[in-house]
N, C-alpha and C. Protein backbone atom coordinates (compact mmCIF):
# COMPACT_ATOMS: atom_id res chain seq x y z
N MET A 1 -97.77 100.97 127.67
CA MET A 1 -97.27 101.61 126.48
C MET A 1 -96.20 102.63 126.84
N ALA A 2 -96.36 103.32 127.96
CA ALA A 2 -95.37 104.30 128.36
C ALA A 2 -94.01 103.65 128.57
N LYS A 3 -94.02 102.43 129.10
CA LYS A 3 -92.75 101.73 129.30
C LYS A 3 -92.06 101.47 127.97
N ALA A 4 -92.83 101.11 126.96
CA ALA A 4 -92.25 100.85 125.63
C ALA A 4 -91.68 102.14 125.05
N LEU A 5 -92.37 103.25 125.25
CA LEU A 5 -91.88 104.53 124.73
C LEU A 5 -90.59 104.96 125.42
N LEU A 6 -90.43 104.60 126.65
CA LEU A 6 -89.23 104.97 127.40
C LEU A 6 -88.09 103.97 127.23
N GLY A 7 -88.29 102.96 126.43
CA GLY A 7 -87.24 101.97 126.23
C GLY A 7 -87.13 101.01 127.38
N TYR A 8 -88.19 100.78 128.10
CA TYR A 8 -88.17 99.92 129.27
C TYR A 8 -88.53 98.50 128.86
N VAL A 9 -87.61 97.86 128.19
CA VAL A 9 -87.80 96.47 127.79
C VAL A 9 -86.69 95.68 128.45
N GLY A 10 -87.00 95.12 129.60
CA GLY A 10 -86.02 94.30 130.29
C GLY A 10 -84.97 95.10 131.03
N GLY A 11 -85.22 96.33 131.33
CA GLY A 11 -84.25 97.12 132.09
C GLY A 11 -83.74 98.31 131.32
N SER A 12 -82.91 99.09 131.96
CA SER A 12 -82.37 100.32 131.36
C SER A 12 -81.03 100.03 130.72
N ASP A 13 -81.06 99.60 129.49
CA ASP A 13 -79.84 99.35 128.73
C ASP A 13 -79.31 100.71 128.27
N PRO A 14 -78.06 101.04 128.59
CA PRO A 14 -77.51 102.35 128.21
C PRO A 14 -77.53 102.59 126.70
N ARG A 15 -77.40 101.54 125.92
CA ARG A 15 -77.43 101.70 124.46
C ARG A 15 -78.82 102.10 123.99
N VAL A 16 -79.84 101.50 124.61
CA VAL A 16 -81.21 101.83 124.24
C VAL A 16 -81.53 103.26 124.66
N LEU A 17 -81.09 103.64 125.84
CA LEU A 17 -81.33 105.00 126.32
C LEU A 17 -80.61 106.02 125.43
N ALA A 18 -79.40 105.72 125.02
CA ALA A 18 -78.65 106.63 124.14
C ALA A 18 -79.35 106.75 122.79
N GLU A 19 -79.82 105.63 122.27
CA GLU A 19 -80.53 105.65 120.99
C GLU A 19 -81.83 106.43 121.11
N MET A 20 -82.53 106.28 122.23
CA MET A 20 -83.76 107.00 122.45
C MET A 20 -83.50 108.51 122.50
N ARG A 21 -82.44 108.92 123.20
CA ARG A 21 -82.10 110.34 123.25
C ARG A 21 -81.73 110.87 121.86
N ARG A 22 -81.00 110.07 121.11
CA ARG A 22 -80.62 110.47 119.75
C ARG A 22 -81.86 110.65 118.88
N LEU A 23 -82.79 109.72 118.98
CA LEU A 23 -84.01 109.81 118.18
C LEU A 23 -84.89 110.98 118.61
N GLN A 24 -84.95 111.24 119.90
CA GLN A 24 -85.72 112.39 120.39
C GLN A 24 -85.12 113.70 119.85
N GLN A 25 -83.81 113.78 119.83
CA GLN A 25 -83.15 114.98 119.30
C GLN A 25 -83.42 115.12 117.81
N ARG A 26 -83.40 113.99 117.10
CA ARG A 26 -83.67 114.02 115.66
C ARG A 26 -85.09 114.51 115.39
N VAL A 27 -86.04 114.04 116.19
CA VAL A 27 -87.43 114.48 116.04
C VAL A 27 -87.53 115.98 116.28
N GLN A 28 -86.87 116.47 117.32
CA GLN A 28 -86.88 117.92 117.60
C GLN A 28 -86.26 118.70 116.44
N ASP A 29 -85.16 118.19 115.89
CA ASP A 29 -84.52 118.86 114.76
C ASP A 29 -85.46 118.91 113.55
N LEU A 30 -86.14 117.79 113.28
CA LEU A 30 -87.04 117.75 112.14
C LEU A 30 -88.25 118.66 112.35
N GLU A 31 -88.75 118.72 113.57
CA GLU A 31 -89.87 119.62 113.86
C GLU A 31 -89.46 121.08 113.66
N SER A 32 -88.25 121.42 114.09
CA SER A 32 -87.75 122.79 113.89
C SER A 32 -87.61 123.11 112.41
N GLU A 33 -87.10 122.15 111.65
CA GLU A 33 -86.93 122.37 110.22
C GLU A 33 -88.29 122.51 109.54
N LEU A 34 -89.27 121.75 109.99
CA LEU A 34 -90.61 121.85 109.43
C LEU A 34 -91.20 123.23 109.67
N VAL A 35 -91.03 123.75 110.87
CA VAL A 35 -91.54 125.10 111.18
C VAL A 35 -90.85 126.13 110.30
N ARG A 36 -89.54 125.99 110.13
CA ARG A 36 -88.79 126.93 109.29
C ARG A 36 -89.24 126.86 107.83
N ILE A 37 -89.43 125.66 107.32
CA ILE A 37 -89.85 125.50 105.93
C ILE A 37 -91.27 126.00 105.72
N GLN A 38 -92.16 125.78 106.70
CA GLN A 38 -93.52 126.28 106.58
C GLN A 38 -93.53 127.81 106.56
N ALA A 39 -92.70 128.43 107.39
CA ALA A 39 -92.61 129.88 107.40
C ALA A 39 -92.07 130.40 106.07
N GLU A 40 -91.06 129.72 105.53
CA GLU A 40 -90.50 130.12 104.24
C GLU A 40 -91.54 129.96 103.13
N ASN A 41 -92.30 128.87 103.18
CA ASN A 41 -93.35 128.64 102.18
C ASN A 41 -94.43 129.71 102.28
N ASP A 42 -94.81 130.07 103.49
CA ASP A 42 -95.81 131.12 103.67
C ASP A 42 -95.31 132.45 103.09
N ALA A 43 -94.04 132.76 103.34
CA ALA A 43 -93.47 134.00 102.82
C ALA A 43 -93.43 133.99 101.30
N LEU A 44 -93.05 132.87 100.71
CA LEU A 44 -93.01 132.77 99.25
C LEU A 44 -94.41 132.86 98.65
N SER A 45 -95.38 132.25 99.31
CA SER A 45 -96.77 132.32 98.82
C SER A 45 -97.28 133.76 98.87
N ALA A 46 -96.98 134.45 99.95
CA ALA A 46 -97.41 135.84 100.09
C ALA A 46 -96.74 136.70 99.01
N ALA A 47 -95.46 136.47 98.75
CA ALA A 47 -94.75 137.23 97.72
C ALA A 47 -95.33 136.94 96.34
N ALA A 48 -95.69 135.69 96.09
CA ALA A 48 -96.27 135.34 94.79
C ALA A 48 -97.62 136.02 94.61
N ARG A 49 -98.42 136.10 95.67
CA ARG A 49 -99.72 136.77 95.57
C ARG A 49 -99.54 138.26 95.31
N ARG A 50 -98.51 138.86 95.92
CA ARG A 50 -98.27 140.29 95.73
C ARG A 50 -97.82 140.59 94.30
N HIS A 51 -97.16 139.62 93.67
CA HIS A 51 -96.58 139.86 92.34
C HIS A 51 -97.38 139.19 91.23
N GLY A 52 -98.65 139.04 91.40
CA GLY A 52 -99.48 138.57 90.29
C GLY A 52 -99.86 137.11 90.36
N GLY A 53 -99.71 136.48 91.45
CA GLY A 53 -100.20 135.12 91.62
C GLY A 53 -99.44 134.10 90.80
N ASP A 54 -100.05 133.63 89.71
CA ASP A 54 -99.50 132.52 88.93
C ASP A 54 -98.58 132.98 87.80
N SER A 55 -98.05 134.19 87.86
CA SER A 55 -97.22 134.68 86.77
C SER A 55 -96.00 133.80 86.53
N LEU A 56 -95.51 133.14 87.56
CA LEU A 56 -94.37 132.24 87.38
C LEU A 56 -94.74 131.02 86.55
N LEU A 57 -95.98 130.61 86.62
CA LEU A 57 -96.42 129.41 85.93
C LEU A 57 -96.92 129.69 84.52
N GLU A 58 -97.18 130.96 84.20
CA GLU A 58 -97.75 131.29 82.90
C GLU A 58 -96.81 130.96 81.75
N GLY A 59 -95.51 131.03 81.96
CA GLY A 59 -94.55 130.78 80.90
C GLY A 59 -94.28 129.32 80.61
N ILE A 60 -94.90 128.43 81.33
CA ILE A 60 -94.67 126.99 81.14
C ILE A 60 -95.69 126.43 80.18
N ASP A 61 -95.20 125.84 79.09
CA ASP A 61 -96.09 125.18 78.14
C ASP A 61 -96.17 123.72 78.53
N VAL A 62 -97.29 123.34 79.13
CA VAL A 62 -97.45 121.99 79.66
C VAL A 62 -97.38 120.95 78.57
N SER A 63 -97.86 121.27 77.38
CA SER A 63 -97.86 120.29 76.30
C SER A 63 -96.45 119.93 75.86
N LYS A 64 -95.47 120.81 76.10
CA LYS A 64 -94.08 120.55 75.72
C LYS A 64 -93.22 120.18 76.90
N ALA A 65 -93.80 120.08 78.06
CA ALA A 65 -93.02 119.76 79.26
C ALA A 65 -92.52 118.33 79.19
N GLU A 66 -91.33 118.13 79.69
CA GLU A 66 -90.74 116.80 79.72
C GLU A 66 -91.06 116.12 81.05
N PRO A 67 -91.23 114.81 81.03
CA PRO A 67 -91.51 114.12 82.30
C PRO A 67 -90.29 114.13 83.22
N ALA A 68 -90.56 114.11 84.48
CA ALA A 68 -89.47 114.07 85.46
C ALA A 68 -88.84 112.69 85.47
N LEU A 69 -87.56 112.65 85.73
CA LEU A 69 -86.87 111.37 85.83
C LEU A 69 -87.23 110.71 87.14
N THR A 70 -87.48 109.43 87.09
CA THR A 70 -87.80 108.70 88.31
C THR A 70 -86.79 107.62 88.57
């Protein structure tokens, strides 16, 4: 399985290695973005708790809400 993860299918094709490096970088970028978004979400949740919890949602009348476009 390690050979498959390293792109070792019939030899070291430079195109496969380049694609593997590109995908590894993309995964790292997405992991970094996930950490940043989780931290932002935590900060927003903490701010919402400090300012009355669900006060942002109290003004929404669910019975009159329109469905989201899909």
